[in-house]
């Protein structure tokens, strides 16, 4: 599970970096730039959910042991 979440985190960070290059600060909420903003926000949400999953698994392991 740890390797799985790590791989997904790396993919999400890669998407954030890629979409940060697509941002147009002159027209922030236009066409391709808006799609990049949405994808960056979605990737940040995915990272947050994966961290919650990792913490819940640690809590579950400690409660069993």
C-alpha atoms as a PDB file:
ATOM      1  CA  UNK A   1       0.000   0.000   0.000  1.00  0.00           C
ATOM      2  CA  UNK A   2       2.861   2.390   0.796  1.00  0.00           C
ATOM      3  CA  UNK A   3       4.438   1.904  -2.630  1.00  0.00           C
ATOM      4  CA  UNK A   4       1.057   2.372  -4.321  1.00  0.00           C
ATOM      5  CA  UNK A   5       0.409   5.696  -2.583  1.00  0.00           C
ATOM      6  CA  UNK A   6       3.963   6.826  -3.276  1.00  0.00           C
ATOM      7  CA  UNK A   7       3.593   6.116  -7.001  1.00  0.00           C
ATOM      8  CA  UNK A   8       0.268   7.951  -7.138  1.00  0.00           C
ATOM      9  CA  UNK A   9       1.785  10.903  -5.275  1.00  0.00           C
ATOM     10  CA  UNK A  10       4.617  11.078  -7.801  1.00  0.00           C
ATOM     11  CA  UNK A  11       2.124  10.999 -10.681  1.00  0.00           C
ATOM     12  CA  UNK A  12       0.060  13.764  -9.061  1.00  0.00           C
ATOM     13  CA  UNK A  13       3.134  15.951  -8.520  1.00  0.00           C
ATOM     14  CA  UNK A  14       4.124  15.334 -12.134  1.00  0.00           C
ATOM     15  CA  UNK A  15       0.694  16.477 -13.285  1.00  0.00           C
ATOM     16  CA  UNK A  16       0.976  19.605 -11.152  1.00  0.00           C
ATOM     17  CA  UNK A  17       4.373  20.452 -12.643  1.00  0.00           C
ATOM     18  CA  UNK A  18       3.202  19.776 -16.203  1.00  0.00           C
ATOM     19  CA  UNK A  19       0.066  21.854 -15.828  1.00  0.00           C
ATOM     20  CA  UNK A  20       1.947  24.685 -14.138  1.00  0.00           C
ATOM     21  CA  UNK A  21       3.802  25.103 -17.425  1.00  0.00           C
ATOM     22  CA  UNK A  22       0.447  25.449 -19.235  1.00  0.00           C
ATOM     23  CA  UNK A  23      -0.731  28.369 -17.081  1.00  0.00           C
ATOM     24  CA  UNK A  24      -1.154  31.726 -18.779  1.00  0.00           C
ATOM     25  CA  UNK A  25      -1.016  34.432 -16.125  1.00  0.00           C
ATOM     26  CA  UNK A  26      -2.350  37.075 -18.518  1.00  0.00           C
ATOM     27  CA  UNK A  27      -5.596  35.165 -19.067  1.00  0.00           C
ATOM     28  CA  UNK A  28      -5.754  32.980 -15.980  1.00  0.00           C
ATOM     29  CA  UNK A  29      -9.348  31.804 -16.451  1.00  0.00           C
ATOM     30  CA  UNK A  30      -9.340  31.282 -20.207  1.00  0.00           C
ATOM     31  CA  UNK A  31      -9.400  28.074 -22.242  1.00  0.00           C
ATOM     32  CA  UNK A  32      -6.281  25.928 -21.709  1.00  0.00           C
ATOM     33  CA  UNK A  33      -5.199  27.822 -18.613  1.00  0.00           C
ATOM     34  CA  UNK A  34      -8.514  27.087 -16.882  1.00  0.00           C
ATOM     35  CA  UNK A  35      -8.126  23.375 -17.613  1.00  0.00           C
ATOM     36  CA  UNK A  36      -4.624  23.520 -16.132  1.00  0.00           C
ATOM     37  CA  UNK A  37      -5.955  25.192 -12.964  1.00  0.00           C
ATOM     38  CA  UNK A  38      -8.670  22.554 -12.571  1.00  0.00           C
ATOM     39  CA  UNK A  39      -6.147  19.746 -13.052  1.00  0.00           C
ATOM     40  CA  UNK A  40      -3.756  21.281 -10.512  1.00  0.00           C
ATOM     41  CA  UNK A  41      -6.551  21.546  -7.936  1.00  0.00           C
ATOM     42  CA  UNK A  42      -7.636  17.951  -8.649  1.00  0.00           C
ATOM     43  CA  UNK A  43      -4.060  16.721  -8.230  1.00  0.00           C
ATOM     44  CA  UNK A  44      -3.741  18.541  -4.915  1.00  0.00           C
ATOM     45  CA  UNK A  45      -6.982  16.901  -3.757  1.00  0.00           C
ATOM     46  CA  UNK A  46      -5.640  13.494  -4.793  1.00  0.00           C
ATOM     47  CA  UNK A  47      -2.445  14.068  -2.816  1.00  0.00           C
ATOM     48  CA  UNK A  48      -4.467  15.099   0.224  1.00  0.00           C
ATOM     49  CA  UNK A  49      -6.693  12.010  -0.009  1.00  0.00           C
ATOM     50  CA  UNK A  50      -3.674   9.730  -0.366  1.00  0.00           C
ATOM     51  CA  UNK A  51      -2.123  11.240   2.745  1.00  0.00           C
ATOM     52  CA  UNK A  52      -5.372  10.685   4.659  1.00  0.00           C
ATOM     53  CA  UNK A  53      -5.351   7.063   3.477  1.00  0.00           C
ATOM     54  CA  UNK A  54      -1.745   6.620   4.607  1.00  0.00           C
ATOM     55  CA  UNK A  55      -2.487   8.063   8.069  1.00  0.00           C
ATOM     56  CA  UNK A  56      -5.607   5.926   8.473  1.00  0.00           C
ATOM     57  CA  UNK A  57      -3.608   2.807   7.611  1.00  0.00           C
ATOM     58  CA  UNK A  58      -1.004   3.730  10.242  1.00  0.00           C
ATOM     59  CA  UNK A  59      -3.745   4.225  12.832  1.00  0.00           C
ATOM     60  CA  UNK A  60      -5.321   0.901  11.886  1.00  0.00           C
ATOM     61  CA  UNK A  61      -1.960  -0.885  12.240  1.00  0.00           C
ATOM     62  CA  UNK A  62      -1.345   0.633  15.676  1.00  0.00           C
ATOM     63  CA  UNK A  63      -4.828  -0.233  16.931  1.00  0.00           C
ATOM     64  CA  UNK A  64      -4.363  -3.880  15.918  1.00  0.00           C
ATOM     65  CA  UNK A  65      -0.920  -4.141  17.476  1.00  0.00           C
END
